[in-house]
Amino acid sequence: MNTKKYKMVLRKSLNQTLNLKIISNIVNSVLENPSEFEILFKLMSDRNVKISWRAAWVCDKIAEIQPLFFCQSHIDDIVSRTI
């Protein structure tokens, strides 16, 4: 799936009523396709607050399983948002 299409699918998934099954599906998809992580990470800055918070929630779940997905630039970005 190309990047634009995946971003649209991911935004749609994050915008619906979420449950643990949907979150798990997104997490598993990203773990199986690490290139999708950048798309998810960028959605933490989405204009739609619901999508950005939910993207952060999924990123948190991924960090619990695979913390090495977060490189220094990701960490710097997260820290800069908290200051």
N, C-alpha and C. Protein backbone atom coordinates (compact mmCIF):
# COMPACT_ATOMS: atom_id res chain seq x y z
N MET A 1 0.86 -1.18 0.00
CA MET A 1 0.00 0.00 0.00
C MET A 1 0.90 1.23 0.00
N ASN A 2 0.57 2.19 -0.84
CA ASN A 2 1.42 3.38 -0.89
C ASN A 2 1.20 4.26 0.35
N THR A 3 2.12 5.17 0.57
CA THR A 3 2.14 6.00 1.77
C THR A 3 0.87 6.83 1.94
N LYS A 4 0.44 7.48 0.87
CA LYS A 4 -0.76 8.33 0.95
C LYS A 4 -1.99 7.52 1.32
N LYS A 5 -2.14 6.38 0.66
CA LYS A 5 -3.29 5.52 0.92
C LYS A 5 -3.25 4.99 2.35
N TYR A 6 -2.07 4.56 2.80
CA TYR A 6 -1.95 4.05 4.16
C TYR A 6 -2.28 5.14 5.18
N LYS A 7 -1.82 6.36 4.92
CA LYS A 7 -2.11 7.47 5.83
C LYS A 7 -3.62 7.69 5.93
N MET A 8 -4.32 7.63 4.80
CA MET A 8 -5.77 7.82 4.81
C MET A 8 -6.45 6.69 5.58
N VAL A 9 -6.02 5.46 5.37
CA VAL A 9 -6.59 4.31 6.08
C VAL A 9 -6.33 4.44 7.57
N LEU A 10 -5.12 4.82 7.92
CA LEU A 10 -4.75 4.96 9.32
C LEU A 10 -5.54 6.08 10.00
N ARG A 11 -5.68 7.21 9.33
CA ARG A 11 -6.48 8.33 9.88
C ARG A 11 -7.92 7.88 10.10
N LYS A 12 -8.47 7.15 9.15
CA LYS A 12 -9.85 6.66 9.28
C LYS A 12 -9.96 5.71 10.48
N SER A 13 -9.00 4.82 10.63
CA SER A 13 -9.01 3.89 11.76
C SER A 13 -8.92 4.63 13.09
N LEU A 14 -8.05 5.62 13.15
CA LEU A 14 -7.87 6.37 14.40
C LEU A 14 -9.05 7.28 14.71
N ASN A 15 -9.81 7.63 13.71
CA ASN A 15 -10.94 8.54 13.90
C ASN A 15 -12.22 7.83 14.36
N GLN A 16 -12.27 6.52 14.19
CA GLN A 16 -13.45 5.78 14.61
C GLN A 16 -13.38 5.46 16.11
N THR A 17 -14.48 4.93 16.63
CA THR A 17 -14.48 4.50 18.02
C THR A 17 -13.48 3.36 18.15
N LEU A 18 -12.51 3.55 19.02
CA LEU A 18 -11.44 2.57 19.14
C LEU A 18 -11.72 1.56 20.24
N ASN A 19 -11.18 0.38 20.03
CA ASN A 19 -11.16 -0.63 21.08
C ASN A 19 -9.80 -1.31 20.99
N LEU A 20 -9.54 -2.18 21.93
CA LEU A 20 -8.21 -2.80 21.97
C LEU A 20 -7.90 -3.62 20.73
N LYS A 21 -8.92 -4.20 20.10
CA LYS A 21 -8.68 -4.99 18.88
C LYS A 21 -8.17 -4.09 17.75
N ILE A 22 -8.79 -2.92 17.58
CA ILE A 22 -8.35 -2.00 16.53
C ILE A 22 -6.94 -1.50 16.82
N ILE A 23 -6.69 -1.13 18.08
CA ILE A 23 -5.34 -0.68 18.47
C ILE A 23 -4.33 -1.78 18.20
N SER A 24 -4.65 -3.00 18.59
CA SER A 24 -3.74 -4.13 18.37
C SER A 24 -3.48 -4.35 16.89
N ASN A 25 -4.51 -4.20 16.06
CA ASN A 25 -4.32 -4.36 14.62
C ASN A 25 -3.36 -3.32 14.06
N ILE A 26 -3.51 -2.08 14.51
CA ILE A 26 -2.61 -1.02 14.04
C ILE A 26 -1.18 -1.29 14.53
N VAL A 27 -1.04 -1.65 15.80
CA VAL A 27 0.28 -1.96 16.36
C VAL A 27 0.93 -3.09 15.57
N ASN A 28 0.19 -4.16 15.35
CA ASN A 28 0.74 -5.31 14.62
C ASN A 28 1.12 -4.95 13.20
N SER A 29 0.31 -4.13 12.55
CA SER A 29 0.63 -3.70 11.19
C SER A 29 1.94 -2.93 11.16
N VAL A 30 2.12 -2.03 12.11
CA VAL A 30 3.36 -1.24 12.17
C VAL A 30 4.55 -2.12 12.51
N LEU A 31 4.37 -3.05 13.42
CA LEU A 31 5.48 -3.95 13.78
C LEU A 31 5.89 -4.83 12.59
N GLU A 32 4.92 -5.22 11.76
CA GLU A 32 5.22 -6.03 10.59
C GLU A 32 5.78 -5.20 9.44
N ASN A 33 5.45 -3.90 9.43
CA ASN A 33 5.88 -3.00 8.36
C ASN A 33 6.46 -1.73 8.99
N PRO A 34 7.71 -1.80 9.46
CA PRO A 34 8.29 -0.67 10.19
C PRO A 34 8.25 0.67 9.46
N SER A 35 8.19 0.65 8.13
CA SER A 35 8.12 1.92 7.40
C SER A 35 6.83 2.68 7.72
N GLU A 36 5.80 1.99 8.18
CA GLU A 36 4.54 2.64 8.55
C GLU A 36 4.68 3.46 9.83
N PHE A 37 5.71 3.21 10.60
CA PHE A 37 5.86 3.91 11.87
C PHE A 37 5.99 5.42 11.66
N GLU A 38 6.74 5.84 10.66
CA GLU A 38 6.92 7.27 10.41
C GLU A 38 5.59 7.96 10.13
N ILE A 39 4.72 7.28 9.40
CA ILE A 39 3.40 7.83 9.10
C ILE A 39 2.61 7.99 10.39
N LEU A 40 2.61 6.96 11.20
CA LEU A 40 1.91 7.00 12.48
C LEU A 40 2.49 8.09 13.37
N PHE A 41 3.80 8.17 13.45
CA PHE A 41 4.45 9.17 14.30
C PHE A 41 4.06 10.58 13.87
N LYS A 42 4.03 10.83 12.57
CA LYS A 42 3.65 12.15 12.08
C LYS A 42 2.20 12.48 12.38
N LEU A 43 1.36 11.46 12.50
CA LEU A 43 -0.05 11.71 12.82
C LEU A 43 -0.23 12.21 14.26
N MET A 44 0.79 12.11 15.07
CA MET A 44 0.72 12.71 16.42
C MET A 44 0.64 14.22 16.33
N SER A 45 0.94 14.78 15.16
CA SER A 45 0.86 16.23 14.93
C SER A 45 -0.35 16.61 14.09
N ASP A 46 -1.26 15.68 13.90
CA ASP A 46 -2.44 15.94 13.07
C ASP A 46 -3.27 17.08 13.65
N ARG A 47 -3.92 17.86 12.76
CA ARG A 47 -4.78 18.96 13.21
C ARG A 47 -5.97 18.46 14.02
N ASN A 48 -6.44 17.27 13.70
CA ASN A 48 -7.56 16.66 14.43
C ASN A 48 -7.01 16.11 15.75
N VAL A 49 -7.40 16.72 16.84
CA VAL A 49 -6.86 16.35 18.16
C VAL A 49 -7.14 14.89 18.48
N LYS A 50 -8.31 14.41 18.10
CA LYS A 50 -8.65 13.00 18.38
C LYS A 50 -7.66 12.07 17.69
N ILE A 51 -7.34 12.36 16.45
CA ILE A 51 -6.39 11.52 15.72
C ILE A 51 -4.99 11.63 16.32
N SER A 52 -4.57 12.84 16.65
CA SER A 52 -3.22 13.01 17.20
C SER A 52 -3.07 12.30 18.55
N TRP A 53 -4.07 12.39 19.41
CA TRP A 53 -4.00 11.70 20.70
C TRP A 53 -4.00 10.18 20.52
N ARG A 54 -4.81 9.72 19.61
CA ARG A 54 -4.88 8.27 19.38
C ARG A 54 -3.61 7.74 18.72
N ALA A 55 -3.03 8.53 17.85
CA ALA A 55 -1.74 8.14 17.26
C ALA A 55 -0.68 8.05 18.35
N ALA A 56 -0.72 8.98 19.28
CA ALA A 56 0.22 8.93 20.41
C ALA A 56 -0.01 7.69 21.26
N TRP A 57 -1.28 7.34 21.45
CA TRP A 57 -1.62 6.14 22.22
C TRP A 57 -1.04 4.89 21.56
N VAL A 58 -1.20 4.79 20.24
CA VAL A 58 -0.67 3.64 19.51
C VAL A 58 0.86 3.64 19.57
N CYS A 59 1.48 4.81 19.44
CA CYS A 59 2.94 4.90 19.55
C CYS A 59 3.41 4.43 20.92
N ASP A 60 2.65 4.76 21.96
CA ASP A 60 2.98 4.30 23.30
C ASP A 60 2.96 2.78 23.38
N LYS A 61 1.95 2.17 22.78
CA LYS A 61 1.85 0.70 22.76
C LYS A 61 3.04 0.09 22.00
N ILE A 62 3.42 0.73 20.90
CA ILE A 62 4.57 0.24 20.14
C ILE A 62 5.85 0.37 20.95
N ALA A 63 5.99 1.47 21.67
CA ALA A 63 7.19 1.69 22.49
C ALA A 63 7.34 0.62 23.56
N GLU A 64 6.22 0.13 24.07
CA GLU A 64 6.27 -0.93 25.08
C GLU A 64 6.83 -2.23 24.49
N ILE A 65 6.51 -2.47 23.22
CA ILE A 65 6.91 -3.72 22.56
C ILE A 65 8.26 -3.59 21.87
N GLN A 66 8.46 -2.47 21.18
CA GLN A 66 9.65 -2.28 20.35
C GLN A 66 10.19 -0.85 20.51
N PRO A 67 10.83 -0.57 21.65
CA PRO A 67 11.30 0.80 21.90
C PRO A 67 12.32 1.31 20.89
N LEU A 68 12.98 0.41 20.17
CA LEU A 68 14.00 0.84 19.21
C LEU A 68 13.41 1.48 17.96
N PHE A 69 12.08 1.46 17.81
CA PHE A 69 11.46 2.18 16.71
C PHE A 69 11.66 3.69 16.87
N PHE A 70 11.87 4.11 18.11
CA PHE A 70 12.04 5.53 18.39
C PHE A 70 13.52 5.89 18.32
N CYS A 71 13.89 6.63 17.28
CA CYS A 71 15.27 7.09 17.15
C CYS A 71 15.41 8.42 17.89
N GLN A 72 16.60 8.95 17.93
CA GLN A 72 16.85 10.18 18.68
C GLN A 72 16.00 11.35 18.19
N SER A 73 15.77 11.44 16.90
CA SER A 73 14.96 12.56 16.39
C SER A 73 13.51 12.45 16.89
N HIS A 74 12.99 11.23 17.03
CA HIS A 74 11.64 11.05 17.58
C HIS A 74 11.62 11.50 19.04
N ILE A 75 12.62 11.10 19.77
CA ILE A 75 12.69 11.44 21.19
C ILE A 75 12.82 12.96 21.35
N ASP A 76 13.67 13.58 20.53
CA ASP A 76 13.82 15.04 20.58
C ASP A 76 12.50 15.74 20.27
N ASP A 77 11.76 15.22 19.31
CA ASP A 77 10.48 15.80 18.94
C ASP A 77 9.49 15.71 20.11
N ILE A 78 9.43 14.55 20.73
CA ILE A 78 8.51 14.36 21.86
C ILE A 78 8.89 15.29 23.02
N VAL A 79 10.17 15.39 23.32
CA VAL A 79 10.63 16.25 24.41
C VAL A 79 10.32 17.71 24.11
N SER A 80 10.54 18.13 22.86
CA SER A 80 10.27 19.53 22.52
C SER A 80 8.78 19.88 22.65
N ARG A 81 7.91 18.92 22.48
CA ARG A 81 6.47 19.16 22.64
C ARG A 81 6.09 19.36 24.10
N THR A 82 6.89 18.84 25.00
CA THR A 82 6.56 18.94 26.42
C THR A 82 7.12 20.20 27.07
N ILE A 83 8.02 20.88 26.39
CA ILE A 83 8.64 22.07 26.96
C ILE A 83 7.82 23.29 26.63
